[in-house]
Amino acid sequence: MKPVTIYTTPICGFCAAAKRLLDQKGVSYDEIDVMRDAEKKQEMMQRAGRHTVPQIWIGETHVGGCDDLYDLERSGKLDPMLAA
């Protein structure tokens, strides 16, 4: 299974929803809290070109945010991405 990285903040409902979906699928992920770490937030913005959380990567592929993750799930594309 490909490694999953998710940039989050503790007060973000969309972050919680994205993590809930990954948890339901039994997917482990590396969570990076950007709320108190300006360096990690800069890293996220450079990698994603976005400033909102969550920002999610599966392997080296930038998935996007929570809505993007759920769209992949609904379209049946998330499991193959994780397994590839």
C-alpha atoms as a PDB file:
ATOM      1  CA  MET A   1       0.000   0.000   0.000  1.00  0.00           C
ATOM      2  CA  LYS A   2       1.285   3.456  -0.892  1.00  0.00           C
ATOM      3  CA  PRO A   3       2.161   5.826   1.961  1.00  0.00           C
ATOM      4  CA  VAL A   4      -0.441   8.497   2.695  1.00  0.00           C
ATOM      5  CA  THR A   5       0.455  11.951   4.011  1.00  0.00           C
ATOM      6  CA  ILE A   6      -2.171  14.384   5.272  1.00  0.00           C
ATOM      7  CA  TYR A   7      -1.544  17.952   6.383  1.00  0.00           C
ATOM      8  CA  THR A   8      -4.116  18.969   9.005  1.00  0.00           C
ATOM      9  CA  THR A   9      -5.037  21.230  11.894  1.00  0.00           C
ATOM     10  CA  PRO A  10      -6.774  19.981  15.052  1.00  0.00           C
ATOM     11  CA  ILE A  11      -9.752  22.346  14.588  1.00  0.00           C
ATOM     12  CA  CYS A  12     -10.580  21.390  10.999  1.00  0.00           C
ATOM     13  CA  GLY A  13     -13.791  19.431  10.405  1.00  0.00           C
ATOM     14  CA  PHE A  14     -12.773  18.526   6.849  1.00  0.00           C
ATOM     15  CA  CYS A  15      -9.497  17.109   8.218  1.00  0.00           C
ATOM     16  CA  ALA A  16     -11.449  14.965  10.682  1.00  0.00           C
ATOM     17  CA  ALA A  17     -13.752  13.733   7.883  1.00  0.00           C
ATOM     18  CA  ALA A  18     -10.805  12.844   5.622  1.00  0.00           C
ATOM     19  CA  LYS A  19      -9.058  10.972   8.455  1.00  0.00           C
ATOM     20  CA  ARG A  20     -12.326   9.179   9.290  1.00  0.00           C
ATOM     21  CA  LEU A  21     -12.585   7.858   5.709  1.00  0.00           C
ATOM     22  CA  LEU A  22      -8.968   6.685   5.767  1.00  0.00           C
ATOM     23  CA  ASP A  23      -9.491   5.089   9.203  1.00  0.00           C
ATOM     24  CA  GLN A  24     -12.614   3.261   7.965  1.00  0.00           C
ATOM     25  CA  LYS A  25     -10.529   1.837   5.123  1.00  0.00           C
ATOM     26  CA  GLY A  26      -7.783   0.751   7.525  1.00  0.00           C
ATOM     27  CA  VAL A  27      -5.292   3.088   5.857  1.00  0.00           C
ATOM     28  CA  SER A  28      -2.442   4.324   8.029  1.00  0.00           C
ATOM     29  CA  TYR A  29      -1.221   7.835   7.315  1.00  0.00           C
ATOM     30  CA  ASP A  30       1.441  10.288   8.315  1.00  0.00           C
ATOM     31  CA  GLU A  31      -0.380  13.295   9.796  1.00  0.00           C
ATOM     32  CA  ILE A  32       1.380  16.653   9.826  1.00  0.00           C
ATOM     33  CA  ASP A  33      -0.208  19.343  12.031  1.00  0.00           C
ATOM     34  CA  VAL A  34       0.450  22.722  10.387  1.00  0.00           C
ATOM     35  CA  MET A  35      -1.392  24.823  12.973  1.00  0.00           C
ATOM     36  CA  ARG A  36       1.596  25.369  15.256  1.00  0.00           C
ATOM     37  CA  ASP A  37       4.374  24.746  12.720  1.00  0.00           C
ATOM     38  CA  ALA A  38       4.814  27.572  10.212  1.00  0.00           C
ATOM     39  CA  GLU A  39       7.607  25.667   8.481  1.00  0.00           C
ATOM     40  CA  LYS A  40       5.361  22.668   7.792  1.00  0.00           C
ATOM     41  CA  LYS A  41       2.583  24.986   6.580  1.00  0.00           C
ATOM     42  CA  GLN A  42       5.031  26.578   4.115  1.00  0.00           C
ATOM     43  CA  GLU A  43       6.107  23.089   3.005  1.00  0.00           C
ATOM     44  CA  MET A  44       2.455  22.128   2.437  1.00  0.00           C
ATOM     45  CA  MET A  45       1.719  25.309   0.455  1.00  0.00           C
ATOM     46  CA  GLN A  46       4.813  24.768  -1.704  1.00  0.00           C
ATOM     47  CA  ARG A  47       3.946  21.127  -2.382  1.00  0.00           C
ATOM     48  CA  ALA A  48       0.212  21.655  -2.930  1.00  0.00           C
ATOM     49  CA  GLY A  49      -0.005  25.191  -4.252  1.00  0.00           C
ATOM     50  CA  ARG A  50      -2.915  25.572  -1.801  1.00  0.00           C
ATOM     51  CA  HIS A  51      -3.175  27.060   1.678  1.00  0.00           C
ATOM     52  CA  THR A  52      -6.227  25.187   3.007  1.00  0.00           C
ATOM     53  CA  VAL A  53      -6.244  21.947   5.001  1.00  0.00           C
ATOM     54  CA  PRO A  54      -6.414  19.072   4.641  1.00  0.00           C
ATOM     55  CA  GLN A  55      -3.971  18.474   1.817  1.00  0.00           C
ATOM     56  CA  ILE A  56      -3.564  14.795   1.040  1.00  0.00           C
ATOM     57  CA  TRP A  57      -0.926  12.803  -0.850  1.00  0.00           C
ATOM     58  CA  ILE A  58      -1.037   9.153  -1.814  1.00  0.00           C
ATOM     59  CA  GLY A  59       2.547   8.270  -2.566  1.00  0.00           C
ATOM     60  CA  GLU A  60       3.852  11.182  -4.641  1.00  0.00           C
ATOM     61  CA  THR A  61       0.387  12.014  -6.039  1.00  0.00           C
ATOM     62  CA  HIS A  62      -1.347  15.093  -4.638  1.00  0.00           C
ATOM     63  CA  VAL A  63      -4.988  14.098  -4.163  1.00  0.00           C
ATOM     64  CA  GLY A  64      -6.155  17.490  -2.912  1.00  0.00           C
ATOM     65  CA  GLY A  65      -8.508  18.063   0.002  1.00  0.00           C
ATOM     66  CA  CYS A  66     -11.338  16.250   1.742  1.00  0.00           C
ATOM     67  CA  ASP A  67     -13.870  16.671  -1.085  1.00  0.00           C
ATOM     68  CA  ASP A  68     -11.314  15.361  -3.587  1.00  0.00           C
ATOM     69  CA  LEU A  69     -10.673  12.304  -1.396  1.00  0.00           C
ATOM     70  CA  TYR A  70     -14.407  11.549  -1.131  1.00  0.00           C
ATOM     71  CA  ASP A  71     -14.820  12.072  -4.894  1.00  0.00           C
ATOM     72  CA  LEU A  72     -12.132   9.432  -5.499  1.00  0.00           C
ATOM     73  CA  GLU A  73     -13.935   7.084  -3.097  1.00  0.00           C
ATOM     74  CA  ARG A  74     -17.330   7.639  -4.783  1.00  0.00           C
ATOM     75  CA  SER A  75     -15.876   7.065  -8.243  1.00  0.00           C
ATOM     76  CA  GLY A  76     -14.167   3.835  -7.156  1.00  0.00           C
ATOM     77  CA  LYS A  77     -10.681   5.250  -7.810  1.00  0.00           C
ATOM     78  CA  LEU A  78      -9.405   5.527  -4.233  1.00  0.00           C
ATOM     79  CA  ASP A  79      -8.742   1.830  -3.541  1.00  0.00           C
ATOM     80  CA  PRO A  80      -6.734   1.289  -6.767  1.00  0.00           C
ATOM     81  CA  MET A  81      -4.714   4.452  -5.998  1.00  0.00           C
ATOM     82  CA  LEU A  82      -3.907   3.206  -2.509  1.00  0.00           C
ATOM     83  CA  ALA A  83      -2.976  -0.253  -3.740  1.00  0.00           C
ATOM     84  CA  ALA A  84      -0.956   0.765  -6.811  1.00  0.00           C
END
